[in-house]
Amino acid sequence: MFTIILWIAGAFVVAGITIGAVKLGGLAFFGPKVEAIRRSISEESRAHVTGTNQNLGRLLRQYDTVSEAHRGGLRELILMEADTMPRENLSPTLRSKIEAIERSY
């Protein structure tokens, strides 16, 4: 009876060690791939924020120079573009200009 209990306990220990080794092997194999995907997504989102800030800056410069007749359409375009991302991702200058446009609307 005692021998059977030792065999069962030994089987659990061996199974635990095997599962641990498989997990570590999986991390060694899949870990770098997961990290590369996470980094790619992070860089793409950073590029999106930069591009949106640049586009909004360009639109706001145009807004300051166009006639009053064209400002309505440009105002709508600016507000739609600004709504595509959280306000905390906008630069402080852009944020204040967009808030001023929203108040004047």
PDB file of N, CA and C in Angstrom:
ATOM      1  N   MET A   1       0.823  -1.189   0.000  1.00  0.00           N
ATOM      2  CA  MET A   1       0.000   0.000   0.000  1.00  0.00           C
ATOM      3  C   MET A   1       0.866   1.252   0.000  1.00  0.00           C
ATOM      4  N   PHE A   2       1.901   1.231   0.857  1.00  0.00           N
ATOM      5  CA  PHE A   2       2.793   2.376   0.941  1.00  0.00           C
ATOM      6  C   PHE A   2       3.525   2.599  -0.376  1.00  0.00           C
ATOM      7  N   THR A   3       3.890   1.522  -1.034  1.00  0.00           N
ATOM      8  CA  THR A   3       4.585   1.617  -2.321  1.00  0.00           C
ATOM      9  C   THR A   3       3.691   2.250  -3.381  1.00  0.00           C
ATOM     10  N   ILE A   4       2.430   1.914  -3.376  1.00  0.00           N
ATOM     11  CA  ILE A   4       1.489   2.490  -4.344  1.00  0.00           C
ATOM     12  C   ILE A   4       1.375   3.998  -4.120  1.00  0.00           C
ATOM     13  N   ILE A   5       1.321   4.404  -2.871  1.00  0.00           N
ATOM     14  CA  ILE A   5       1.231   5.833  -2.548  1.00  0.00           C
ATOM     15  C   ILE A   5       2.496   6.554  -3.014  1.00  0.00           C
ATOM     16  N   LEU A   6       3.662   5.922  -2.807  1.00  0.00           N
ATOM     17  CA  LEU A   6       4.920   6.520  -3.269  1.00  0.00           C
ATOM     18  C   LEU A   6       4.943   6.633  -4.791  1.00  0.00           C
ATOM     19  N   TRP A   7       4.451   5.620  -5.497  1.00  0.00           N
ATOM     20  CA  TRP A   7       4.400   5.652  -6.960  1.00  0.00           C
ATOM     21  C   TRP A   7       3.485   6.778  -7.440  1.00  0.00           C
ATOM     22  N   ILE A   8       2.353   6.934  -6.815  1.00  0.00           N
ATOM     23  CA  ILE A   8       1.409   7.991  -7.204  1.00  0.00           C
ATOM     24  C   ILE A   8       2.016   9.369  -6.927  1.00  0.00           C
ATOM     25  N   ALA A   9       2.636   9.530  -5.751  1.00  0.00           N
ATOM     26  CA  ALA A   9       3.271  10.800  -5.411  1.00  0.00           C
ATOM     27  C   ALA A   9       4.401  11.102  -6.386  1.00  0.00           C
ATOM     28  N   GLY A  10       5.179  10.093  -6.715  1.00  0.00           N
ATOM     29  CA  GLY A  10       6.267  10.271  -7.677  1.00  0.00           C
ATOM     30  C   GLY A  10       5.737  10.652  -9.052  1.00  0.00           C
ATOM     31  N   ALA A  11       4.633  10.047  -9.444  1.00  0.00           N
ATOM     32  CA  ALA A  11       4.036  10.374 -10.735  1.00  0.00           C
ATOM     33  C   ALA A  11       3.587  11.836 -10.758  1.00  0.00           C
ATOM     34  N   PHE A  12       3.015  12.325  -9.653  1.00  0.00           N
ATOM     35  CA  PHE A  12       2.605  13.731  -9.589  1.00  0.00           C
ATOM     36  C   PHE A  12       3.817  14.662  -9.661  1.00  0.00           C
ATOM     37  N   VAL A  13       4.891  14.305  -8.999  1.00  0.00           N
ATOM     38  CA  VAL A  13       6.110  15.124  -9.027  1.00  0.00           C
ATOM     39  C   VAL A  13       6.679  15.166 -10.441  1.00  0.00           C
ATOM     40  N   VAL A  14       6.773  14.021 -11.075  1.00  0.00           N
ATOM     41  CA  VAL A  14       7.281  13.965 -12.445  1.00  0.00           C
ATOM     42  C   VAL A  14       6.370  14.753 -13.396  1.00  0.00           C
ATOM     43  N   ALA A  15       5.061  14.621 -13.219  1.00  0.00           N
ATOM     44  CA  ALA A  15       4.129  15.359 -14.068  1.00  0.00           C
ATOM     45  C   ALA A  15       4.290  16.862 -13.850  1.00  0.00           C
ATOM     46  N   GLY A  16       4.467  17.283 -12.608  1.00  0.00           N
ATOM     47  CA  GLY A  16       4.660  18.705 -12.314  1.00  0.00           C
ATOM     48  C   GLY A  16       5.932  19.247 -12.924  1.00  0.00           C
ATOM     49  N   ILE A  17       7.008  18.482 -12.832  1.00  0.00           N
ATOM     50  CA  ILE A  17       8.281  18.902 -13.423  1.00  0.00           C
ATOM     51  C   ILE A  17       8.164  18.962 -14.945  1.00  0.00           C
ATOM     52  N   THR A  18       7.486  18.006 -15.531  1.00  0.00           N
ATOM     53  CA  THR A  18       7.312  17.975 -16.983  1.00  0.00           C
ATOM     54  C   THR A  18       6.478  19.165 -17.452  1.00  0.00           C
ATOM     55  N   ILE A  19       5.399  19.445 -16.772  1.00  0.00           N
ATOM     56  CA  ILE A  19       4.552  20.581 -17.147  1.00  0.00           C
ATOM     57  C   ILE A  19       5.335  21.888 -17.010  1.00  0.00           C
ATOM     58  N   GLY A  20       6.107  22.017 -15.926  1.00  0.00           N
ATOM     59  CA  GLY A  20       6.930  23.219 -15.748  1.00  0.00           C
ATOM     60  C   GLY A  20       7.950  23.382 -16.859  1.00  0.00           C
ATOM     61  N   ALA A  21       8.579  22.287 -17.266  1.00  0.00           N
ATOM     62  CA  ALA A  21       9.570  22.352 -18.334  1.00  0.00           C
ATOM     63  C   ALA A  21       8.913  22.726 -19.662  1.00  0.00           C
ATOM     64  N   VAL A  22       7.736  22.200 -19.922  1.00  0.00           N
ATOM     65  CA  VAL A  22       7.025  22.526 -21.161  1.00  0.00           C
ATOM     66  C   VAL A  22       6.644  24.001 -21.182  1.00  0.00           C
ATOM     67  N   LYS A  23       6.199  24.526 -20.030  1.00  0.00           N
ATOM     68  CA  LYS A  23       5.839  25.942 -19.960  1.00  0.00           C
ATOM     69  C   LYS A  23       7.059  26.816 -20.213  1.00  0.00           C
ATOM     70  N   LEU A  24       8.177  26.479 -19.589  1.00  0.00           N
ATOM     71  CA  LEU A  24       9.389  27.265 -19.803  1.00  0.00           C
ATOM     72  C   LEU A  24       9.855  27.166 -21.250  1.00  0.00           C
ATOM     73  N   GLY A  25       9.750  25.995 -21.818  1.00  0.00           N
ATOM     74  CA  GLY A  25      10.106  25.840 -23.228  1.00  0.00           C
ATOM     75  C   GLY A  25       9.195  26.651 -24.123  1.00  0.00           C
ATOM     76  N   GLY A  26       7.906  26.698 -23.786  1.00  0.00           N
ATOM     77  CA  GLY A  26       6.951  27.496 -24.558  1.00  0.00           C
ATOM     78  C   GLY A  26       7.258  28.976 -24.456  1.00  0.00           C
ATOM     79  N   LEU A  27       7.636  29.414 -23.252  1.00  0.00           N
ATOM     80  CA  LEU A  27       7.992  30.824 -23.089  1.00  0.00           C
ATOM     81  C   LEU A  27       9.252  31.166 -23.868  1.00  0.00           C
ATOM     82  N   ALA A  28      10.187  30.250 -23.870  1.00  0.00           N
ATOM     83  CA  ALA A  28      11.421  30.498 -24.601  1.00  0.00           C
ATOM     84  C   ALA A  28      11.154  30.579 -26.099  1.00  0.00           C
ATOM     85  N   PHE A  29      10.193  29.801 -26.572  1.00  0.00           N
ATOM     86  CA  PHE A  29       9.896  29.795 -28.006  1.00  0.00           C
ATOM     87  C   PHE A  29       8.949  30.920 -28.388  1.00  0.00           C
ATOM     88  N   PHE A  30       7.839  31.062 -27.635  1.00  0.00           N
ATOM     89  CA  PHE A  30       6.815  32.031 -28.008  1.00  0.00           C
ATOM     90  C   PHE A  30       7.030  33.414 -27.399  1.00  0.00           C
ATOM     91  N   GLY A  31       7.800  33.506 -26.333  1.00  0.00           N
ATOM     92  CA  GLY A  31       8.007  34.783 -25.661  1.00  0.00           C
ATOM     93  C   GLY A  31       8.512  35.888 -26.580  1.00  0.00           C
ATOM     94  N   PRO A  32       9.589  35.655 -27.339  1.00  0.00           N
ATOM     95  CA  PRO A  32      10.075  36.715 -28.231  1.00  0.00           C
ATOM     96  C   PRO A  32       9.066  37.100 -29.313  1.00  0.00           C
ATOM     97  N   LYS A  33       8.298  36.144 -29.790  1.00  0.00           N
ATOM     98  CA  LYS A  33       7.294  36.452 -30.816  1.00  0.00           C
ATOM     99  C   LYS A  33       6.185  37.330 -30.251  1.00  0.00           C
ATOM    100  N   VAL A  34       5.735  37.014 -29.047  1.00  0.00           N
ATOM    101  CA  VAL A  34       4.696  37.821 -28.394  1.00  0.00           C
ATOM    102  C   VAL A  34       5.214  39.229 -28.130  1.00  0.00           C
ATOM    103  N   GLU A  35       6.444  39.331 -27.686  1.00  0.00           N
ATOM    104  CA  GLU A  35       7.036  40.645 -27.408  1.00  0.00           C
ATOM    105  C   GLU A  35       7.190  41.454 -28.696  1.00  0.00           C
ATOM    106  N   ALA A  36       7.553  40.820 -29.782  1.00  0.00           N
ATOM    107  CA  ALA A  36       7.681  41.532 -31.060  1.00  0.00           C
ATOM    108  C   ALA A  36       6.334  42.067 -31.524  1.00  0.00           C
ATOM    109  N   ILE A  37       5.286  41.312 -31.346  1.00  0.00           N
ATOM    110  CA  ILE A  37       3.940  41.760 -31.734  1.00  0.00           C
ATOM    111  C   ILE A  37       3.504  42.919 -30.843  1.00  0.00           C
ATOM    112  N   ARG A  38       3.748  42.816 -29.537  1.00  0.00           N
ATOM    113  CA  ARG A  38       3.382  43.887 -28.617  1.00  0.00           C
ATOM    114  C   ARG A  38       4.122  45.177 -28.961  1.00  0.00           C
ATOM    115  N   ARG A  39       5.392  45.056 -29.288  1.00  0.00           N
ATOM    116  CA  ARG A  39       6.189  46.234 -29.645  1.00  0.00           C
ATOM    117  C   ARG A  39       5.697  46.849 -30.950  1.00  0.00           C
ATOM    118  N   SER A  40       5.345  46.017 -31.916  1.00  0.00           N
ATOM    119  CA  SER A  40       4.836  46.510 -33.196  1.00  0.00           C
ATOM    120  C   SER A  40       3.545  47.297 -32.993  1.00  0.00           C
ATOM    121  N   ILE A  41       2.650  46.774 -32.189  1.00  0.00           N
ATOM    122  CA  ILE A  41       1.386  47.464 -31.918  1.00  0.00           C
ATOM    123  C   ILE A  41       1.654  48.786 -31.209  1.00  0.00           C
ATOM    124  N   SER A  42       2.590  48.791 -30.264  1.00  0.00           N
ATOM    125  CA  SER A  42       2.922  50.012 -29.536  1.00  0.00           C
ATOM    126  C   SER A  42       3.494  51.067 -30.481  1.00  0.00           C
ATOM    127  N   GLU A  43       4.388  50.664 -31.383  1.00  0.00           N
ATOM    128  CA  GLU A  43       4.971  51.617 -32.329  1.00  0.00           C
ATOM    129  C   GLU A  43       3.923  52.143 -33.294  1.00  0.00           C
ATOM    130  N   GLU A  44       3.010  51.277 -33.734  1.00  0.00           N
ATOM    131  CA  GLU A  44       1.959  51.721 -34.638  1.00  0.00           C
ATOM    132  C   GLU A  44       1.039  52.721 -33.948  1.00  0.00           C
ATOM    133  N   SER A  45       0.712  52.489 -32.685  1.00  0.00           N
ATOM    134  CA  SER A  45      -0.178  53.414 -31.994  1.00  0.00           C
ATOM    135  C   SER A  45       0.536  54.738 -31.743  1.00  0.00           C
ATOM    136  N   ARG A  46       1.846  54.686 -31.469  1.00  0.00           N
ATOM    137  CA  ARG A  46       2.619  55.908 -31.294  1.00  0.00           C
ATOM    138  C   ARG A  46       2.665  56.700 -32.596  1.00  0.00           C
ATOM    139  N   ALA A  47       2.838  55.990 -33.696  1.00  0.00           N
ATOM    140  CA  ALA A  47       2.852  56.652 -35.001  1.00  0.00           C
ATOM    141  C   ALA A  47       1.477  57.244 -35.312  1.00  0.00           C
ATOM    142  N   HIS A  48       0.404  56.569 -34.916  1.00  0.00           N
ATOM    143  CA  HIS A  48      -0.952  57.085 -35.139  1.00  0.00           C
ATOM    144  C   HIS A  48      -1.159  58.382 -34.362  1.00  0.00           C
ATOM    145  N   VAL A  49      -0.709  58.421 -33.113  1.00  0.00           N
ATOM    146  CA  VAL A  49      -0.862  59.627 -32.296  1.00  0.00           C
ATOM    147  C   VAL A  49      -0.075  60.780 -32.917  1.00  0.00           C
ATOM    148  N   THR A  50       1.153  60.504 -33.332  1.00  0.00           N
ATOM    149  CA  THR A  50       1.976  61.543 -33.953  1.00  0.00           C
ATOM    150  C   THR A  50       1.340  62.043 -35.238  1.00  0.00           C
ATOM    151  N   GLY A  51       0.883  61.125 -36.069  1.00  0.00           N
ATOM    152  CA  GLY A  51       0.256  61.510 -37.328  1.00  0.00           C
ATOM    153  C   GLY A  51      -1.016  62.306 -37.130  1.00  0.00           C
ATOM    154  N   THR A  52      -1.820  61.919 -36.148  1.00  0.00           N
ATOM    155  CA  THR A  52      -3.057  62.652 -35.874  1.00  0.00           C
ATOM    156  C   THR A  52      -2.748  64.051 -35.355  1.00  0.00           C
ATOM    157  N   ASN A  53      -1.744  64.172 -34.490  1.00  0.00           N
ATOM    158  CA  ASN A  53      -1.350  65.489 -33.998  1.00  0.00           C
ATOM    159  C   ASN A  53      -0.876  66.377 -35.150  1.00  0.00           C
ATOM    160  N   GLN A  54      -0.097  65.819 -36.060  1.00  0.00           N
ATOM    161  CA  GLN A  54       0.383  66.598 -37.201  1.00  0.00           C
ATOM    162  C   GLN A  54      -0.769  67.013 -38.104  1.00  0.00           C
ATOM    163  N   ASN A  55      -1.684  66.094 -38.363  1.00  0.00           N
ATOM    164  CA  ASN A  55      -2.823  66.401 -39.223  1.00  0.00           C
ATOM    165  C   ASN A  55      -3.708  67.477 -38.596  1.00  0.00           C
ATOM    166  N   LEU A  56      -3.963  67.372 -37.300  1.00  0.00           N
ATOM    167  CA  LEU A  56      -4.770  68.390 -36.633  1.00  0.00           C
ATOM    168  C   LEU A  56      -4.065  69.744 -36.627  1.00  0.00           C
ATOM    169  N   GLY A  57      -2.764  69.744 -36.465  1.00  0.00           N
ATOM    170  CA  GLY A  57      -2.009  70.996 -36.517  1.00  0.00           C
ATOM    171  C   GLY A  57      -2.136  71.650 -37.881  1.00  0.00           C
ATOM    172  N   ARG A  58      -2.050  70.846 -38.928  1.00  0.00           N
ATOM    173  CA  ARG A  58      -2.192  71.367 -40.292  1.00  0.00           C
ATOM    174  C   ARG A  58      -3.595  71.924 -40.502  1.00  0.00           C
ATOM    175  N   LEU A  59      -4.612  71.200 -40.052  1.00  0.00           N
ATOM    176  CA  LEU A  59      -5.992  71.664 -40.214  1.00  0.00           C
ATOM    177  C   LEU A  59      -6.248  72.948 -39.425  1.00  0.00           C
ATOM    178  N   LEU A  60      -5.681  73.039 -38.237  1.00  0.00           N
ATOM    179  CA  LEU A  60      -5.884  74.249 -37.436  1.00  0.00           C
ATOM    180  C   LEU A  60      -5.179  75.457 -38.047  1.00  0.00           C
ATOM    181  N   ARG A  61      -4.023  75.243 -38.666  1.00  0.00           N
ATOM    182  CA  ARG A  61      -3.357  76.354 -39.373  1.00  0.00           C
ATOM    183  C   ARG A  61      -4.209  76.814 -40.550  1.00  0.00           C
ATOM    184  N   GLN A  62      -4.815  75.869 -41.253  1.00  0.00           N
ATOM    185  CA  GLN A  62      -5.710  76.238 -42.349  1.00  0.00           C
ATOM    186  C   GLN A  62      -6.936  76.967 -41.823  1.00  0.00           C
ATOM    187  N   TYR A  63      -7.435  76.546 -40.688  1.00  0.00           N
ATOM    188  CA  TYR A  63      -8.626  77.158 -40.089  1.00  0.00           C
ATOM    189  C   TYR A  63      -8.381  78.640 -39.800  1.00  0.00           C
ATOM    190  N   ASP A  64      -7.152  78.964 -39.383  1.00  0.00           N
ATOM    191  CA  ASP A  64      -6.822  80.355 -39.067  1.00  0.00           C
ATOM    192  C   ASP A  64      -6.715  81.223 -40.319  1.00  0.00           C
ATOM    193  N   THR A  65      -6.475  80.605 -41.480  1.00  0.00           N
ATOM    194  CA  THR A  65      -6.246  81.406 -42.678  1.00  0.00           C
ATOM    195  C   THR A  65      -7.426  81.450 -43.641  1.00  0.00           C
ATOM    196  N   VAL A  66      -8.401  80.558 -43.505  1.00  0.00           N
ATOM    197  CA  VAL A  66      -9.499  80.520 -44.484  1.00  0.00           C
ATOM    198  C   VAL A  66     -10.551  81.572 -44.156  1.00  0.00           C
ATOM    199  N   SER A  67     -11.393  81.840 -45.141  1.00  0.00           N
ATOM    200  CA  SER A  67     -12.473  82.803 -44.938  1.00  0.00           C
ATOM    201  C   SER A  67     -13.551  82.190 -44.052  1.00  0.00           C
ATOM    202  N   GLU A  68     -14.404  83.048 -43.550  1.00  0.00           N
ATOM    203  CA  GLU A  68     -15.474  82.609 -42.644  1.00  0.00           C
ATOM    204  C   GLU A  68     -16.419  81.622 -43.318  1.00  0.00           C
ATOM    205  N   ALA A  69     -16.593  81.738 -44.622  1.00  0.00           N
ATOM    206  CA  ALA A  69     -17.496  80.847 -45.347  1.00  0.00           C
ATOM    207  C   ALA A  69     -17.000  79.400 -45.329  1.00  0.00           C
ATOM    208  N   HIS A  70     -15.689  79.209 -45.288  1.00  0.00           N
ATOM    209  CA  HIS A  70     -15.117  77.864 -45.315  1.00  0.00           C
ATOM    210  C   HIS A  70     -14.844  77.301 -43.920  1.00  0.00           C
ATOM    211  N   ARG A  71     -14.934  78.138 -42.918  1.00  0.00           N
ATOM    212  CA  ARG A  71     -14.598  77.685 -41.559  1.00  0.00           C
ATOM    213  C   ARG A  71     -15.563  76.632 -41.024  1.00  0.00           C
ATOM    214  N   GLY A  72     -16.817  76.684 -41.421  1.00  0.00           N
ATOM    215  CA  GLY A  72     -17.798  75.715 -40.908  1.00  0.00           C
ATOM    216  C   GLY A  72     -17.433  74.288 -41.278  1.00  0.00           C
ATOM    217  N   GLY A  73     -17.106  74.082 -42.557  1.00  0.00           N
ATOM    218  CA  GLY A  73     -16.728  72.734 -42.995  1.00  0.00           C
ATOM    219  C   GLY A  73     -15.431  72.277 -42.375  1.00  0.00           C
ATOM    220  N   LEU A  74     -14.472  73.199 -42.283  1.00  0.00           N
ATOM    221  CA  LEU A  74     -13.177  72.850 -41.694  1.00  0.00           C
ATOM    222  C   LEU A  74     -13.329  72.584 -40.193  1.00  0.00           C
ATOM    223  N   ARG A  75     -14.227  73.326 -39.544  1.00  0.00           N
ATOM    224  CA  ARG A  75     -14.498  73.106 -38.122  1.00  0.00           C
ATOM    225  C   ARG A  75     -15.027  71.693 -37.893  1.00  0.00           C
ATOM    226  N   GLU A  76     -15.964  71.270 -38.734  1.00  0.00           N
ATOM    227  CA  GLU A  76     -16.512  69.910 -38.614  1.00  0.00           C
ATOM    228  C   GLU A  76     -15.418  68.860 -38.804  1.00  0.00           C
ATOM    229  N   LEU A  77     -14.552  69.079 -39.789  1.00  0.00           N
ATOM    230  CA  LEU A  77     -13.465  68.136 -40.068  1.00  0.00           C
ATOM    231  C   LEU A  77     -12.505  68.058 -38.885  1.00  0.00           C
ATOM    232  N   ILE A  78     -12.177  69.191 -38.306  1.00  0.00           N
ATOM    233  CA  ILE A  78     -11.263  69.220 -37.161  1.00  0.00           C
ATOM    234  C   ILE A  78     -11.880  68.480 -35.970  1.00  0.00           C
ATOM    235  N   LEU A  79     -13.143  68.752 -35.703  1.00  0.00           N
ATOM    236  CA  LEU A  79     -13.786  68.109 -34.554  1.00  0.00           C
ATOM    237  C   LEU A  79     -13.943  66.604 -34.751  1.00  0.00           C
ATOM    238  N   MET A  80     -14.230  66.182 -35.981  1.00  0.00           N
ATOM    239  CA  MET A  80     -14.323  64.733 -36.243  1.00  0.00           C
ATOM    240  C   MET A  80     -12.962  64.068 -36.078  1.00  0.00           C
ATOM    241  N   GLU A  81     -11.908  64.710 -36.572  1.00  0.00           N
ATOM    242  CA  GLU A  81     -10.559  64.150 -36.442  1.00  0.00           C
ATOM    243  C   GLU A  81     -10.132  64.111 -34.970  1.00  0.00           C
ATOM    244  N   ALA A  82     -10.487  65.133 -34.219  1.00  0.00           N
ATOM    245  CA  ALA A  82     -10.109  65.180 -32.802  1.00  0.00           C
ATOM    246  C   ALA A  82     -10.839  64.115 -31.997  1.00  0.00           C
ATOM    247  N   ASP A  83     -12.029  63.725 -32.448  1.00  0.00           N
ATOM    248  CA  ASP A  83     -12.790  62.703 -31.725  1.00  0.00           C
ATOM    249  C   ASP A  83     -12.270  61.291 -31.958  1.00  0.00           C
ATOM    250  N   THR A  84     -11.306  61.113 -32.862  1.00  0.00           N
ATOM    251  CA  THR A  84     -10.799  59.770 -33.144  1.00  0.00           C
ATOM    252  C   THR A  84      -9.793  59.294 -32.106  1.00  0.00           C
ATOM    253  N   MET A  85      -9.367  60.183 -31.220  1.00  0.00           N
ATOM    254  CA  MET A  85      -8.400  59.773 -30.207  1.00  0.00           C
ATOM    255  C   MET A  85      -8.676  60.501 -28.894  1.00  0.00           C
ATOM    256  N   PRO A  86      -8.224  59.929 -27.773  1.00  0.00           N
ATOM    257  CA  PRO A  86      -8.433  60.569 -26.479  1.00  0.00           C
ATOM    258  C   PRO A  86      -7.735  61.925 -26.411  1.00  0.00           C
ATOM    259  N   ARG A  87      -8.349  62.864 -25.726  1.00  0.00           N
ATOM    260  CA  ARG A  87      -7.812  64.225 -25.642  1.00  0.00           C
ATOM    261  C   ARG A  87      -6.444  64.273 -24.963  1.00  0.00           C
ATOM    262  N   GLU A  88      -6.177  63.351 -24.040  1.00  0.00           N
ATOM    263  CA  GLU A  88      -4.878  63.389 -23.358  1.00  0.00           C
ATOM    264  C   GLU A  88      -3.718  63.048 -24.294  1.00  0.00           C
ATOM    265  N   ASN A  89      -4.017  62.468 -25.466  1.00  0.00           N
ATOM    266  CA  ASN A  89      -2.970  62.178 -26.439  1.00  0.00           C
ATOM    267  C   ASN A  89      -2.662  63.374 -27.337  1.00  0.00           C
ATOM    268  N   LEU A  90      -3.486  64.400 -27.274  1.00  0.00           N
ATOM    269  CA  LEU A  90      -3.239  65.601 -28.061  1.00  0.00           C
ATOM    270  C   LEU A  90      -2.242  66.495 -27.332  1.00  0.00           C
ATOM    271  N   SER A  91      -1.483  67.262 -28.092  1.00  0.00           N
ATOM    272  CA  SER A  91      -0.574  68.209 -27.452  1.00  0.00           C
ATOM    273  C   SER A  91      -1.404  69.302 -26.777  1.00  0.00           C
ATOM    274  N   PRO A  92      -0.868  69.923 -25.734  1.00  0.00           N
ATOM    275  CA  PRO A  92      -1.641  70.945 -25.011  1.00  0.00           C
ATOM    276  C   PRO A  92      -2.102  72.102 -25.907  1.00  0.00           C
ATOM    277  N   THR A  93      -1.273  72.508 -26.851  1.00  0.00           N
ATOM    278  CA  THR A  93      -1.648  73.600 -27.751  1.00  0.00           C
ATOM    279  C   THR A  93      -2.848  73.198 -28.608  1.00  0.00           C
ATOM    280  N   LEU A  94      -2.783  72.002 -29.185  1.00  0.00           N
ATOM    281  CA  LEU A  94      -3.895  71.530 -30.012  1.00  0.00           C
ATOM    282  C   LEU A  94      -5.162  71.389 -29.179  1.00  0.00           C
ATOM    283  N   ARG A  95      -5.013  70.855 -27.977  1.00  0.00           N
ATOM    284  CA  ARG A  95      -6.170  70.652 -27.114  1.00  0.00           C
ATOM    285  C   ARG A  95      -6.866  71.980 -26.813  1.00  0.00           C
ATOM    286  N   SER A  96      -6.078  73.003 -26.505  1.00  0.00           N
ATOM    287  CA  SER A  96      -6.692  74.298 -26.182  1.00  0.00           C
ATOM    288  C   SER A  96      -7.358  74.918 -27.405  1.00  0.00           C
ATOM    289  N   LYS A  97      -6.744  74.775 -28.593  1.00  0.00           N
ATOM    290  CA  LYS A  97      -7.353  75.324 -29.799  1.00  0.00           C
ATOM    291  C   LYS A  97      -8.655  74.588 -30.152  1.00  0.00           C
ATOM    292  N   ILE A  98      -8.654  73.286 -29.993  1.00  0.00           N
ATOM    293  CA  ILE A  98      -9.855  72.496 -30.301  1.00  0.00           C
ATOM    294  C   ILE A  98     -10.960  72.843 -29.309  1.00  0.00           C
ATOM    295  N   GLU A  99     -10.622  73.009 -28.048  1.00  0.00           N
ATOM    296  CA  GLU A  99     -11.642  73.400 -27.060  1.00  0.00           C
ATOM    297  C   GLU A  99     -12.210  74.781 -27.379  1.00  0.00           C
ATOM    298  N   ALA A 100     -11.356  75.679 -27.880  1.00  0.00           N
ATOM    299  CA  ALA A 100     -11.845  77.012 -28.275  1.00  0.00           C
ATOM    300  C   ALA A 100     -12.796  76.905 -29.458  1.00  0.00           C
ATOM    301  N   ILE A 101     -12.490  76.033 -30.404  1.00  0.00           N
ATOM    302  CA  ILE A 101     -13.378  75.832 -31.564  1.00  0.00           C
ATOM    303  C   ILE A 101     -14.711  75.241 -31.112  1.00  0.00           C
ATOM    304  N   GLU A 102     -14.639  74.289 -30.158  1.00  0.00           N
ATOM    305  CA  GLU A 102     -15.890  73.687 -29.657  1.00  0.00           C
ATOM    306  C   GLU A 102     -16.754  74.718 -28.944  1.00  0.00           C
ATOM    307  N   ARG A 103     -16.124  75.615 -28.187  1.00  0.00           N
ATOM    308  CA  ARG A 103     -16.908  76.642 -27.489  1.00  0.00           C
ATOM    309  C   ARG A 103     -17.532  77.624 -28.471  1.00  0.00           C
ATOM    310  N   SER A 104     -16.849  77.912 -29.581  1.00  0.00           N
ATOM    311  CA  SER A 104     -17.380  78.871 -30.551  1.00  0.00           C
ATOM    312  C   SER A 104     -18.459  78.250 -31.433  1.00  0.00           C
ATOM    313  N   TYR A 105     -18.546  76.932 -31.379  1.00  0.00           N
ATOM    314  CA  TYR A 105     -19.501  76.217 -32.247  1.00  0.00           C
ATOM    315  C   TYR A 105     -20.813  76.264 -31.639  1.00  0.00           C
TER     316      TYR A 105
END
